[in-house]
Amino acid sequence: MSPMLDRLLQGILDTLLMIGASSLIVFLVGIPLALVLVTTGPGGIFEARAVNRVLGSVVNVLRSIPFLILMVALIPFTRLIVGTSYGVWAAVVPLTIAATPFFARIAEVSLREVDFGLVEAAQAMGCQRRHIIWNVLLPEARPGIVGGFTITLVTMINSSAMAGAIGAGGLGDLAYRYGYQRFDTQIMLTVIILLVVLVTLIQFGGDRLARLLNKRA
């Protein structure tokens, strides 16, 4: 196996590791965050406008910071969490912090689109608020949440390529070091094709799952 093929395979693995680890955290944190934003808002089942405003402001601030600037600003925090500011695991921290509020807002929109009549009907039947969340809001919003998570994954792939260009590893690192700095057009095109294939597979899988969930709903 040629050294460059080795580097390409390692770049793919590093990119998948970055996206896999950070996307898992994004999903586990983003869904509860979206639920809090929805249920504490005006007319929500846990209405708390002050909490909603503060949390919404934090989410908006994080979403407004460009990823490159956020990644640099988080270097001390990243070093504190993973012990280094360089490499795959160092990229997981800014990727997670950048993508979580993005996904939370998308999931929030899906949750808000749930027919409020269903919530009222559940309340009329005496359902507790936690049951409304688990049995009404989340099941009804699943197709939209899956679609939103798919968009988030694609955005994270783009960000991971940017992170790779400044030392995080992965396909972005290959494109920058061997494609750009060494003017190797073949490597650059290969990385672009791999990223396009990866995005296409994720988008296809996410769309198909969303359609399947929509039919079941």
N, C-alpha and C. Protein backbone atom coordinates (compact mmCIF):
# COMPACT_ATOMS: atom_id res chain seq x y z
N MET A 1 0.85 -1.19 0.00
CA MET A 1 0.00 0.00 0.00
C MET A 1 0.89 1.25 0.00
N SER A 2 0.58 2.21 -0.87
CA SER A 2 1.41 3.41 -0.99
C SER A 2 1.21 4.31 0.23
N PRO A 3 2.24 5.12 0.56
CA PRO A 3 2.12 6.03 1.70
C PRO A 3 0.94 6.99 1.57
N MET A 4 0.67 7.46 0.35
CA MET A 4 -0.43 8.41 0.18
C MET A 4 -1.79 7.73 0.39
N LEU A 5 -1.91 6.48 -0.03
CA LEU A 5 -3.15 5.75 0.22
C LEU A 5 -3.35 5.54 1.71
N ASP A 6 -2.24 5.27 2.39
CA ASP A 6 -2.29 5.16 3.86
C ASP A 6 -2.80 6.45 4.48
N ARG A 7 -2.29 7.57 3.98
CA ARG A 7 -2.70 8.87 4.52
C ARG A 7 -4.19 9.14 4.24
N LEU A 8 -4.64 8.77 3.05
CA LEU A 8 -6.05 8.95 2.72
C LEU A 8 -6.96 8.13 3.63
N LEU A 9 -6.59 6.87 3.84
CA LEU A 9 -7.38 6.01 4.72
C LEU A 9 -7.39 6.56 6.14
N GLN A 10 -6.22 7.01 6.61
CA GLN A 10 -6.15 7.58 7.95
C GLN A 10 -6.97 8.87 8.03
N GLY A 11 -6.94 9.66 6.96
CA GLY A 11 -7.73 10.89 6.92
C GLY A 11 -9.22 10.61 7.00
N ILE A 12 -9.66 9.57 6.29
CA ILE A 12 -11.08 9.19 6.34
C ILE A 12 -11.45 8.75 7.76
N LEU A 13 -10.61 7.91 8.35
CA LEU A 13 -10.89 7.43 9.71
C LEU A 13 -10.92 8.59 10.71
N ASP A 14 -9.97 9.50 10.58
CA ASP A 14 -9.93 10.65 11.50
C ASP A 14 -11.18 11.52 11.35
N THR A 15 -11.60 11.74 10.11
CA THR A 15 -12.80 12.54 9.87
C THR A 15 -14.03 11.85 10.44
N LEU A 16 -14.15 10.55 10.21
CA LEU A 16 -15.30 9.81 10.75
C LEU A 16 -15.29 9.82 12.28
N LEU A 17 -14.11 9.73 12.87
CA LEU A 17 -14.00 9.77 14.33
C LEU A 17 -14.42 11.13 14.87
N MET A 18 -13.93 12.19 14.24
CA MET A 18 -14.31 13.55 14.65
C MET A 18 -15.82 13.74 14.58
N ILE A 19 -16.40 13.37 13.43
CA ILE A 19 -17.83 13.57 13.23
C ILE A 19 -18.64 12.64 14.13
N GLY A 20 -18.21 11.39 14.25
CA GLY A 20 -18.96 10.43 15.05
C GLY A 20 -19.02 10.82 16.52
N ALA A 21 -17.88 11.16 17.11
CA ALA A 21 -17.84 11.51 18.53
C ALA A 21 -18.61 12.80 18.81
N SER A 22 -18.36 13.81 18.00
CA SER A 22 -19.02 15.10 18.25
C SER A 22 -20.51 15.04 17.94
N SER A 23 -20.92 14.31 16.90
CA SER A 23 -22.34 14.24 16.56
C SER A 23 -23.15 13.49 17.62
N LEU A 24 -22.54 12.51 18.25
CA LEU A 24 -23.22 11.79 19.34
C LEU A 24 -23.52 12.75 20.49
N ILE A 25 -22.52 13.56 20.86
CA ILE A 25 -22.73 14.53 21.93
C ILE A 25 -23.75 15.59 21.52
N VAL A 26 -23.65 16.04 20.27
CA VAL A 26 -24.59 17.05 19.77
C VAL A 26 -26.02 16.54 19.86
N PHE A 27 -26.25 15.29 19.48
CA PHE A 27 -27.59 14.73 19.52
C PHE A 27 -28.09 14.61 20.96
N LEU A 28 -27.24 14.10 21.85
CA LEU A 28 -27.65 13.88 23.23
C LEU A 28 -27.88 15.18 24.00
N VAL A 29 -27.19 16.23 23.62
CA VAL A 29 -27.36 17.53 24.28
C VAL A 29 -28.38 18.40 23.55
N GLY A 30 -28.38 18.32 22.23
CA GLY A 30 -29.24 19.19 21.43
C GLY A 30 -30.73 18.93 21.61
N ILE A 31 -31.12 17.66 21.72
CA ILE A 31 -32.54 17.34 21.90
C ILE A 31 -33.08 17.89 23.22
N PRO A 32 -32.43 17.61 24.36
CA PRO A 32 -32.91 18.21 25.61
C PRO A 32 -32.92 19.74 25.57
N LEU A 33 -31.89 20.32 24.94
CA LEU A 33 -31.84 21.77 24.84
C LEU A 33 -33.03 22.30 24.05
N ALA A 34 -33.36 21.65 22.95
CA ALA A 34 -34.51 22.06 22.14
C ALA A 34 -35.81 21.91 22.94
N LEU A 35 -35.92 20.83 23.69
CA LEU A 35 -37.13 20.61 24.51
C LEU A 35 -37.28 21.71 25.57
N VAL A 36 -36.17 22.11 26.17
CA VAL A 36 -36.24 23.19 27.17
C VAL A 36 -36.66 24.49 26.50
N LEU A 37 -36.12 24.78 25.32
CA LEU A 37 -36.48 26.00 24.62
C LEU A 37 -37.96 26.03 24.26
N VAL A 38 -38.50 24.87 23.89
CA VAL A 38 -39.91 24.80 23.49
C VAL A 38 -40.83 24.84 24.70
N THR A 39 -40.53 24.03 25.69
CA THR A 39 -41.46 23.89 26.82
C THR A 39 -41.42 25.07 27.79
N THR A 40 -40.33 25.85 27.79
CA THR A 40 -40.27 27.01 28.68
C THR A 40 -40.70 28.30 28.00
N GLY A 41 -41.00 28.23 26.72
CA GLY A 41 -41.42 29.41 25.97
C GLY A 41 -42.85 29.79 26.30
N PRO A 42 -43.33 30.92 25.76
CA PRO A 42 -44.70 31.36 26.00
C PRO A 42 -45.71 30.28 25.60
N GLY A 43 -46.57 29.90 26.53
CA GLY A 43 -47.56 28.86 26.28
C GLY A 43 -47.04 27.46 26.41
N GLY A 44 -45.76 27.30 26.76
CA GLY A 44 -45.18 25.97 26.91
C GLY A 44 -45.67 25.27 28.16
N ILE A 45 -45.48 23.98 28.21
CA ILE A 45 -46.01 23.21 29.34
C ILE A 45 -45.18 23.41 30.61
N PHE A 46 -43.98 23.96 30.48
CA PHE A 46 -43.16 24.34 31.63
C PHE A 46 -42.79 25.82 31.52
N GLU A 47 -43.76 26.65 31.19
CA GLU A 47 -43.48 28.05 30.86
C GLU A 47 -42.62 28.74 31.92
N ALA A 48 -41.49 29.26 31.46
CA ALA A 48 -40.58 30.01 32.32
C ALA A 48 -39.84 30.99 31.41
N ARG A 49 -40.42 32.13 31.21
CA ARG A 49 -39.94 33.04 30.17
C ARG A 49 -38.52 33.54 30.44
N ALA A 50 -38.18 33.74 31.70
CA ALA A 50 -36.83 34.22 32.02
C ALA A 50 -35.79 33.17 31.62
N VAL A 51 -36.05 31.92 31.97
CA VAL A 51 -35.14 30.83 31.58
C VAL A 51 -35.05 30.74 30.07
N ASN A 52 -36.17 30.85 29.41
CA ASN A 52 -36.20 30.76 27.95
C ASN A 52 -35.40 31.86 27.29
N ARG A 53 -35.53 33.08 27.82
CA ARG A 53 -34.80 34.21 27.23
C ARG A 53 -33.30 34.06 27.42
N VAL A 54 -32.88 33.67 28.62
CA VAL A 54 -31.45 33.52 28.89
C VAL A 54 -30.85 32.41 28.04
N LEU A 55 -31.52 31.26 28.03
CA LEU A 55 -31.02 30.12 27.25
C LEU A 55 -31.02 30.44 25.77
N GLY A 56 -32.07 31.09 25.29
CA GLY A 56 -32.15 31.47 23.89
C GLY A 56 -31.04 32.43 23.49
N SER A 57 -30.71 33.34 24.39
CA SER A 57 -29.63 34.29 24.12
C SER A 57 -28.28 33.59 24.01
N VAL A 58 -28.03 32.64 24.91
CA VAL A 58 -26.78 31.89 24.86
C VAL A 58 -26.67 31.12 23.56
N VAL A 59 -27.76 30.47 23.17
CA VAL A 59 -27.78 29.71 21.91
C VAL A 59 -27.52 30.63 20.72
N ASN A 60 -28.15 31.79 20.73
CA ASN A 60 -27.98 32.72 19.60
C ASN A 60 -26.55 33.24 19.51
N VAL A 61 -25.93 33.51 20.66
CA VAL A 61 -24.55 34.00 20.66
C VAL A 61 -23.61 32.94 20.09
N LEU A 62 -23.76 31.70 20.55
CA LEU A 62 -22.89 30.63 20.05
C LEU A 62 -23.09 30.39 18.56
N ARG A 63 -24.33 30.51 18.11
CA ARG A 63 -24.61 30.29 16.68
C ARG A 63 -24.03 31.40 15.81
N SER A 64 -23.86 32.58 16.38
CA SER A 64 -23.43 33.72 15.56
C SER A 64 -21.92 33.79 15.37
N ILE A 65 -21.15 32.99 16.13
CA ILE A 65 -19.70 33.05 16.04
C ILE A 65 -19.21 32.14 14.92
N PRO A 66 -18.48 32.64 13.96
CA PRO A 66 -17.92 31.77 12.89
C PRO A 66 -17.08 30.66 13.48
N PHE A 67 -17.12 29.48 12.85
CA PHE A 67 -16.48 28.31 13.43
C PHE A 67 -14.98 28.49 13.64
N LEU A 68 -14.32 29.10 12.68
CA LEU A 68 -12.87 29.27 12.78
C LEU A 68 -12.50 30.13 14.00
N ILE A 69 -13.25 31.22 14.20
CA ILE A 69 -13.01 32.09 15.35
C ILE A 69 -13.32 31.36 16.65
N LEU A 70 -14.42 30.62 16.66
CA LEU A 70 -14.80 29.86 17.85
C LEU A 70 -13.74 28.84 18.21
N MET A 71 -13.21 28.16 17.22
CA MET A 71 -12.22 27.13 17.46
C MET A 71 -10.95 27.72 18.08
N VAL A 72 -10.53 28.88 17.59
CA VAL A 72 -9.35 29.54 18.14
C VAL A 72 -9.63 30.04 19.55
N ALA A 73 -10.81 30.62 19.77
CA ALA A 73 -11.15 31.15 21.08
C ALA A 73 -11.25 30.04 22.14
N LEU A 74 -11.59 28.84 21.70
CA LEU A 74 -11.77 27.73 22.64
C LEU A 74 -10.48 26.95 22.91
N ILE A 75 -9.36 27.37 22.36
CA ILE A 75 -8.11 26.63 22.54
C ILE A 75 -7.78 26.36 24.01
N PRO A 76 -7.85 27.37 24.91
CA PRO A 76 -7.57 27.08 26.32
C PRO A 76 -8.55 26.06 26.92
N PHE A 77 -9.83 26.20 26.58
CA PHE A 77 -10.84 25.27 27.09
C PHE A 77 -10.62 23.88 26.52
N THR A 78 -10.31 23.81 25.23
CA THR A 78 -10.04 22.52 24.59
C THR A 78 -8.86 21.82 25.23
N ARG A 79 -7.79 22.60 25.49
CA ARG A 79 -6.61 22.03 26.14
C ARG A 79 -6.94 21.52 27.54
N LEU A 80 -7.84 22.23 28.23
CA LEU A 80 -8.25 21.81 29.58
C LEU A 80 -9.04 20.50 29.53
N ILE A 81 -9.87 20.34 28.50
CA ILE A 81 -10.75 19.17 28.41
C ILE A 81 -10.00 17.93 27.93
N VAL A 82 -9.26 18.05 26.84
CA VAL A 82 -8.62 16.87 26.24
C VAL A 82 -7.11 16.84 26.38
N GLY A 83 -6.54 17.89 26.97
CA GLY A 83 -5.11 17.90 27.22
C GLY A 83 -4.26 18.38 26.07
N THR A 84 -4.87 18.76 24.96
CA THR A 84 -4.12 19.24 23.79
C THR A 84 -5.02 20.12 22.95
N SER A 85 -4.43 20.97 22.15
CA SER A 85 -5.20 21.80 21.22
C SER A 85 -4.95 21.38 19.78
N TYR A 86 -4.33 20.21 19.61
CA TYR A 86 -3.95 19.74 18.28
C TYR A 86 -4.39 18.29 18.11
N GLY A 87 -4.96 17.97 16.94
CA GLY A 87 -5.34 16.59 16.67
C GLY A 87 -6.84 16.38 16.63
N VAL A 88 -7.21 15.12 16.41
CA VAL A 88 -8.62 14.76 16.21
C VAL A 88 -9.48 15.09 17.42
N TRP A 89 -9.04 14.67 18.61
CA TRP A 89 -9.87 14.87 19.79
C TRP A 89 -9.98 16.34 20.16
N ALA A 90 -8.97 17.11 19.84
CA ALA A 90 -9.04 18.55 20.09
C ALA A 90 -10.11 19.20 19.21
N ALA A 91 -10.36 18.64 18.03
CA ALA A 91 -11.38 19.20 17.13
C ALA A 91 -12.79 18.86 17.60
N VAL A 92 -12.93 17.79 18.37
CA VAL A 92 -14.26 17.38 18.83
C VAL A 92 -14.91 18.45 19.69
N VAL A 93 -14.11 19.12 20.51
CA VAL A 93 -14.66 20.13 21.43
C VAL A 93 -15.31 21.29 20.68
N PRO A 94 -14.58 22.01 19.80
CA PRO A 94 -15.24 23.11 19.09
C PRO A 94 -16.33 22.65 18.13
N LEU A 95 -16.15 21.48 17.52
CA LEU A 95 -17.20 20.96 16.64
C LEU A 95 -18.50 20.77 17.42
N THR A 96 -18.39 20.21 18.62
CA THR A 96 -19.57 19.96 19.44
C THR A 96 -20.23 21.26 19.88
N ILE A 97 -19.41 22.20 20.35
CA ILE A 97 -19.96 23.47 20.85
C ILE A 97 -20.57 24.29 19.72
N ALA A 98 -20.01 24.20 18.53
CA ALA A 98 -20.56 24.94 17.39
C ALA A 98 -21.85 24.31 16.87
N ALA A 99 -21.90 22.98 16.84
CA ALA A 99 -23.04 22.31 16.22
C ALA A 99 -24.24 22.15 17.15
N THR A 100 -24.01 22.09 18.46
CA THR A 100 -25.12 21.86 19.39
C THR A 100 -26.20 22.93 19.32
N PRO A 101 -25.86 24.23 19.42
CA PRO A 101 -26.93 25.23 19.31
C PRO A 101 -27.58 25.26 17.93
N PHE A 102 -26.80 24.96 16.89
CA PHE A 102 -27.35 24.90 15.54
C PHE A 102 -28.43 23.81 15.45
N PHE A 103 -28.09 22.62 15.93
CA PHE A 103 -29.05 21.52 15.90
C PHE A 103 -30.23 21.77 16.84
N ALA A 104 -29.95 22.37 17.99
CA ALA A 104 -31.03 22.64 18.95
C ALA A 104 -32.09 23.55 18.34
N ARG A 105 -31.67 24.56 17.59
CA ARG A 105 -32.64 25.46 16.96
C ARG A 105 -33.45 24.74 15.89
N ILE A 106 -32.81 23.87 15.12
CA ILE A 106 -33.53 23.13 14.09
C ILE A 106 -34.54 22.18 14.75
N ALA A 107 -34.10 21.47 15.80
CA ALA A 107 -35.00 20.57 16.51
C ALA A 107 -36.14 21.35 17.17
N GLU A 108 -35.83 22.55 17.65
CA GLU A 108 -36.87 23.39 18.26
C GLU A 108 -37.98 23.70 17.26
N VAL A 109 -37.59 24.03 16.03
CA VAL A 109 -38.58 24.33 14.99
C VAL A 109 -39.48 23.11 14.75
N SER A 110 -38.87 21.92 14.68
CA SER A 110 -39.65 20.70 14.46
C SER A 110 -40.62 20.45 15.61
N LEU A 111 -40.17 20.69 16.84
CA LEU A 111 -41.03 20.48 18.00
C LEU A 111 -42.17 21.50 18.03
N ARG A 112 -41.90 22.72 17.62
CA ARG A 112 -42.94 23.75 17.61
C ARG A 112 -43.99 23.48 16.54
N GLU A 113 -43.62 22.72 15.52
CA GLU A 113 -44.57 22.43 14.45
C GLU A 113 -45.56 21.32 14.81
N VAL A 114 -45.35 20.66 15.95
CA VAL A 114 -46.29 19.65 16.40
C VAL A 114 -47.64 20.32 16.69
N ASP A 115 -48.70 19.73 16.19
CA ASP A 115 -50.05 20.28 16.37
C ASP A 115 -50.34 20.47 17.86
N PHE A 116 -50.59 21.73 18.24
CA PHE A 116 -50.83 22.01 19.66
C PHE A 116 -52.11 21.34 20.15
N GLY A 117 -53.01 21.01 19.21
CA GLY A 117 -54.23 20.30 19.60
C GLY A 117 -53.94 18.95 20.23
N LEU A 118 -52.86 18.31 19.75
CA LEU A 118 -52.47 17.02 20.34
C LEU A 118 -52.03 17.19 21.79
N VAL A 119 -51.30 18.28 22.04
CA VAL A 119 -50.86 18.56 23.41
C VAL A 119 -52.06 18.85 24.29
N GLU A 120 -52.98 19.66 23.79
CA GLU A 120 -54.18 19.98 24.57
C GLU A 120 -55.01 18.73 24.85
N ALA A 121 -55.10 17.84 23.85
CA ALA A 121 -55.86 16.61 24.05
C ALA A 121 -55.21 15.74 25.12
N ALA A 122 -53.88 15.67 25.11
CA ALA A 122 -53.16 14.89 26.12
C ALA A 122 -53.36 15.49 27.50
N GLN A 123 -53.35 16.83 27.59
CA GLN A 123 -53.59 17.49 28.87
C GLN A 123 -55.00 17.23 29.36
N ALA A 124 -55.96 17.24 28.43
CA ALA A 124 -57.36 17.00 28.81
C ALA A 124 -57.56 15.58 29.34
N MET A 125 -56.75 14.64 28.86
CA MET A 125 -56.85 13.26 29.33
C MET A 125 -56.08 13.03 30.63
N GLY A 126 -55.45 14.10 31.13
CA GLY A 126 -54.77 13.99 32.41
C GLY A 126 -53.33 13.52 32.32
N CYS A 127 -52.74 13.58 31.14
CA CYS A 127 -51.34 13.15 31.00
C CYS A 127 -50.42 14.11 31.72
N GLN A 128 -49.42 13.56 32.38
CA GLN A 128 -48.41 14.39 33.01
C GLN A 128 -47.52 15.02 31.95
N ARG A 129 -46.87 16.11 32.34
CA ARG A 129 -46.10 16.86 31.34
C ARG A 129 -44.95 16.04 30.77
N ARG A 130 -44.31 15.21 31.58
CA ARG A 130 -43.22 14.38 31.03
C ARG A 130 -43.74 13.37 30.03
N HIS A 131 -44.98 12.90 30.24
CA HIS A 131 -45.59 11.96 29.29
C HIS A 131 -45.91 12.66 27.98
N ILE A 132 -46.30 13.93 28.06
CA ILE A 132 -46.57 14.70 26.84
C ILE A 132 -45.30 14.83 26.01
N ILE A 133 -44.17 15.05 26.69
CA ILE A 133 -42.89 15.17 25.99
C ILE A 133 -42.54 13.86 25.28
N TRP A 134 -42.61 12.74 26.03
CA TRP A 134 -42.17 11.45 25.50
C TRP A 134 -43.17 10.85 24.51
N ASN A 135 -44.45 11.07 24.72
CA ASN A 135 -45.47 10.38 23.92
C ASN A 135 -46.16 11.25 22.87
N VAL A 136 -45.94 12.56 22.93
CA VAL A 136 -46.58 13.44 21.95
C VAL A 136 -45.52 14.25 21.18
N LEU A 137 -44.76 15.08 21.88
CA LEU A 137 -43.84 15.99 21.21
C LEU A 137 -42.75 15.26 20.42
N LEU A 138 -42.01 14.39 21.10
CA LEU A 138 -40.89 13.72 20.43
C LEU A 138 -41.34 12.79 19.30
N PRO A 139 -42.35 11.93 19.51
CA PRO A 139 -42.76 11.06 18.38
C PRO A 139 -43.26 11.85 17.18
N GLU A 140 -44.02 12.91 17.40
CA GLU A 140 -44.56 13.68 16.29
C GLU A 140 -43.48 14.48 15.56
N ALA A 141 -42.44 14.85 16.27
CA ALA A 141 -41.39 15.69 15.67
C ALA A 141 -40.24 14.88 15.09
N ARG A 142 -40.29 13.55 15.21
CA ARG A 142 -39.15 12.72 14.79
C ARG A 142 -38.69 12.95 13.36
N PRO A 143 -39.58 12.97 12.37
CA PRO A 143 -39.10 13.18 10.99
C PRO A 143 -38.33 14.48 10.82
N GLY A 144 -38.86 15.57 11.40
CA GLY A 144 -38.18 16.85 11.30
C GLY A 144 -36.85 16.87 12.04
N ILE A 145 -36.81 16.21 13.19
CA ILE A 145 -35.56 16.15 13.97
C ILE A 145 -34.50 15.38 13.20
N VAL A 146 -34.88 14.26 12.58
CA VAL A 146 -33.92 13.48 11.80
C VAL A 146 -33.42 14.29 10.61
N GLY A 147 -34.35 14.98 9.94
CA GLY A 147 -33.92 15.83 8.83
C GLY A 147 -32.97 16.93 9.27
N GLY A 148 -33.27 17.53 10.43
CA GLY A 148 -32.41 18.57 10.96
C GLY A 148 -31.05 18.05 11.39
N PHE A 149 -31.03 16.83 11.93
CA PHE A 149 -29.77 16.25 12.35
C PHE A 149 -28.91 15.91 11.13
N THR A 150 -29.56 15.53 10.04
CA THR A 150 -28.83 15.26 8.80
C THR A 150 -28.14 16.54 8.29
N ILE A 151 -28.88 17.64 8.32
CA ILE A 151 -28.30 18.93 7.92
C ILE A 151 -27.13 19.29 8.84
N THR A 152 -27.30 19.02 10.12
CA THR A 152 -26.23 19.31 11.09
C THR A 152 -24.98 18.50 10.79
N LEU A 153 -25.16 17.23 10.46
CA LEU A 153 -24.01 16.36 10.14
C LEU A 153 -23.25 16.89 8.93
N VAL A 154 -23.99 17.31 7.92
CA VAL A 154 -23.33 17.85 6.72
C VAL A 154 -22.54 19.11 7.06
N THR A 155 -23.13 19.96 7.88
CA THR A 155 -22.44 21.18 8.32
C THR A 155 -21.19 20.83 9.12
N MET A 156 -21.27 19.80 9.95
CA MET A 156 -20.12 19.38 10.75
C MET A 156 -18.99 18.83 9.88
N ILE A 157 -19.34 18.16 8.79
CA ILE A 157 -18.31 17.67 7.87
C ILE A 157 -17.55 18.85 7.26
N ASN A 158 -18.29 19.88 6.87
CA ASN A 158 -17.65 21.08 6.34
C ASN A 158 -16.72 21.71 7.38
N SER A 159 -17.20 21.78 8.62
CA SER A 159 -16.39 22.37 9.69
C SER A 159 -15.17 21.52 10.01
N SER A 160 -15.33 20.19 9.94
CA SER A 160 -14.20 19.31 10.24
C SER A 160 -13.09 19.48 9.20
N ALA A 161 -13.48 19.72 7.96
CA ALA A 161 -12.47 19.97 6.92
C ALA A 161 -11.72 21.27 7.20
N MET A 162 -12.45 22.29 7.70
CA MET A 162 -11.82 23.54 8.06
C MET A 162 -10.88 23.35 9.27
N ALA A 163 -11.34 22.55 10.24
CA ALA A 163 -10.51 22.27 11.42
C ALA A 163 -9.26 21.51 11.03
N GLY A 164 -9.39 20.60 10.07
CA GLY A 164 -8.23 19.83 9.62
C GLY A 164 -7.16 20.69 9.00
N ALA A 165 -7.58 21.78 8.38
CA ALA A 165 -6.62 22.65 7.72
C ALA A 165 -5.74 23.41 8.71
N ILE A 166 -6.13 23.44 9.99
CA ILE A 166 -5.30 24.15 10.97
C ILE A 166 -4.86 23.20 12.10
N GLY A 167 -4.72 21.91 11.73
CA GLY A 167 -4.06 21.00 12.65
C GLY A 167 -4.90 19.94 13.31
N ALA A 168 -6.16 19.79 12.93
CA ALA A 168 -7.02 18.81 13.59
C ALA A 168 -6.92 17.42 12.96
N GLY A 169 -6.26 17.32 11.83
CA GLY A 169 -6.18 16.04 11.14
C GLY A 169 -7.37 15.82 10.23
N GLY A 170 -7.47 14.61 9.70
CA GLY A 170 -8.60 14.30 8.82
C GLY A 170 -8.35 14.70 7.38
N LEU A 171 -9.42 14.68 6.60
CA LEU A 171 -9.30 14.97 5.18
C LEU A 171 -8.93 16.43 4.92
N GLY A 172 -9.38 17.33 5.76
CA GLY A 172 -9.02 18.73 5.60
C GLY A 172 -7.53 18.96 5.73
N ASP A 173 -6.91 18.24 6.64
CA ASP A 173 -5.46 18.33 6.83
C ASP A 173 -4.72 17.85 5.59
N LEU A 174 -5.21 16.75 5.01
CA LEU A 174 -4.60 16.23 3.79
C LEU A 174 -4.72 17.22 2.64
N ALA A 175 -5.93 17.77 2.49
CA ALA A 175 -6.15 18.72 1.40
C ALA A 175 -5.25 19.94 1.53
N TYR A 176 -5.05 20.39 2.76
CA TYR A 176 -4.24 21.59 2.98
C TYR A 176 -2.74 21.31 2.82
N ARG A 177 -2.27 20.26 3.50
CA ARG A 177 -0.82 20.00 3.52
C ARG A 177 -0.29 19.47 2.19
N TYR A 178 -1.06 18.53 1.60
CA TYR A 178 -0.55 17.88 0.39
C TYR A 178 -1.19 18.45 -0.89
N GLY A 179 -2.43 18.90 -0.79
CA GLY A 179 -3.09 19.45 -1.96
C GLY A 179 -2.75 20.90 -2.20
N TYR A 180 -2.85 21.72 -1.14
CA TYR A 180 -2.64 23.16 -1.29
C TYR A 180 -1.17 23.54 -1.18
N GLN A 181 -0.52 23.14 -0.08
CA GLN A 181 0.86 23.57 0.14
C GLN A 181 1.83 22.97 -0.87
N ARG A 182 1.56 21.75 -1.33
CA ARG A 182 2.46 21.10 -2.29
C ARG A 182 1.92 21.15 -3.71
N PHE A 183 0.83 21.87 -3.90
CA PHE A 183 0.25 22.05 -5.24
C PHE A 183 -0.04 20.72 -5.93
N ASP A 184 -0.55 19.76 -5.15
CA ASP A 184 -0.88 18.44 -5.69
C ASP A 184 -2.37 18.40 -6.01
N THR A 185 -2.70 18.68 -7.26
CA THR A 185 -4.10 18.75 -7.67
C THR A 185 -4.82 17.42 -7.50
N GLN A 186 -4.12 16.32 -7.73
CA GLN A 186 -4.73 15.00 -7.62
C GLN A 186 -5.21 14.73 -6.18
N ILE A 187 -4.38 15.08 -5.20
CA ILE A 187 -4.78 14.89 -3.81
C ILE A 187 -5.98 15.78 -3.48
N MET A 188 -5.94 17.02 -3.93
CA MET A 188 -7.03 17.94 -3.67
C MET A 188 -8.35 17.42 -4.25
N LEU A 189 -8.31 16.94 -5.49
CA LEU A 189 -9.52 16.41 -6.12
C LEU A 189 -10.00 15.14 -5.42
N THR A 190 -9.06 14.31 -5.00
CA THR A 190 -9.43 13.07 -4.31
C THR A 190 -10.15 13.37 -3.00
N VAL A 191 -9.63 14.33 -2.25
CA VAL A 191 -10.27 14.71 -0.98
C VAL A 191 -11.65 15.29 -1.23
N ILE A 192 -11.77 16.13 -2.26
CA ILE A 192 -13.08 16.71 -2.58
C ILE A 192 -14.08 15.62 -2.92
N ILE A 193 -13.67 14.65 -3.73
CA ILE A 193 -14.56 13.55 -4.10
C ILE A 193 -14.98 12.74 -2.88
N LEU A 194 -14.02 12.47 -1.98
CA LEU A 194 -14.34 11.71 -0.77
C LEU A 194 -15.34 12.46 0.11
N LEU A 195 -15.16 13.77 0.23
CA LEU A 195 -16.09 14.57 1.03
C LEU A 195 -17.48 14.60 0.40
N VAL A 196 -17.51 14.72 -0.92
CA VAL A 196 -18.80 14.72 -1.63
C VAL A 196 -19.52 13.39 -1.43
N VAL A 197 -18.77 12.29 -1.54
CA VAL A 197 -19.37 10.96 -1.34
C VAL A 197 -19.90 10.82 0.09
N LEU A 198 -19.11 11.26 1.05
CA LEU A 198 -19.52 11.17 2.45
C LEU A 198 -20.79 11.97 2.72
N VAL A 199 -20.83 13.21 2.22
CA VAL A 199 -22.02 14.05 2.39
C VAL A 199 -23.23 13.43 1.70
N THR A 200 -23.03 12.90 0.50
CA THR A 200 -24.13 12.29 -0.25
C THR A 200 -24.71 11.10 0.49
N LEU A 201 -23.85 10.25 1.03
CA LEU A 201 -24.32 9.07 1.77
C LEU A 201 -25.11 9.48 3.01
N ILE A 202 -24.60 10.46 3.74
CA ILE A 202 -25.29 10.92 4.95
C ILE A 202 -26.64 11.55 4.59
N GLN A 203 -26.65 12.37 3.55
CA GLN A 203 -27.90 13.02 3.15
C GLN A 203 -28.92 11.99 2.67
N PHE A 204 -28.47 11.02 1.90
CA PHE A 204 -29.38 9.98 1.41
C PHE A 204 -29.95 9.17 2.58
N GLY A 205 -29.08 8.75 3.49
CA GLY A 205 -29.54 7.96 4.63
C GLY A 205 -30.48 8.74 5.52
N GLY A 206 -30.16 10.02 5.78
CA GLY A 206 -31.02 10.85 6.63
C GLY A 206 -32.37 11.10 6.00
N ASP A 207 -32.40 11.40 4.70
CA ASP A 207 -33.67 11.64 4.01
C ASP A 207 -34.54 10.39 4.00
N ARG A 208 -33.91 9.26 3.78
CA ARG A 208 -34.68 8.01 3.74
C ARG A 208 -35.27 7.68 5.11
N LEU A 209 -34.48 7.88 6.16
CA LEU A 209 -34.98 7.62 7.51
C LEU A 209 -36.10 8.58 7.88
N ALA A 210 -35.96 9.84 7.49
CA ALA A 210 -37.01 10.83 7.78
C ALA A 210 -38.31 10.46 7.08
N ARG A 211 -38.23 10.02 5.82
CA ARG A 211 -39.43 9.61 5.10
C ARG A 211 -40.08 8.40 5.75
N LEU A 212 -39.26 7.45 6.19
CA LEU A 212 -39.77 6.24 6.85
C LEU A 212 -40.51 6.62 8.15
N LEU A 213 -39.91 7.49 8.93
CA LEU A 213 -40.54 7.92 10.18
C LEU A 213 -41.82 8.71 9.91
N ASN A 214 -41.83 9.48 8.84
CA ASN A 214 -43.01 10.27 8.49
C ASN A 214 -44.16 9.36 8.11
N LYS A 215 -43.86 8.25 7.41
CA LYS A 215 -44.93 7.30 7.05
C LYS A 215 -45.49 6.62 8.29
N ARG A 216 -44.61 6.27 9.22
CA ARG A 216 -45.07 5.62 10.45
C ARG A 216 -45.91 6.56 11.30
N ALA A 217 -45.55 7.87 11.25
CA ALA A 217 -46.32 8.84 12.01
C ALA A 217 -47.72 9.03 11.44
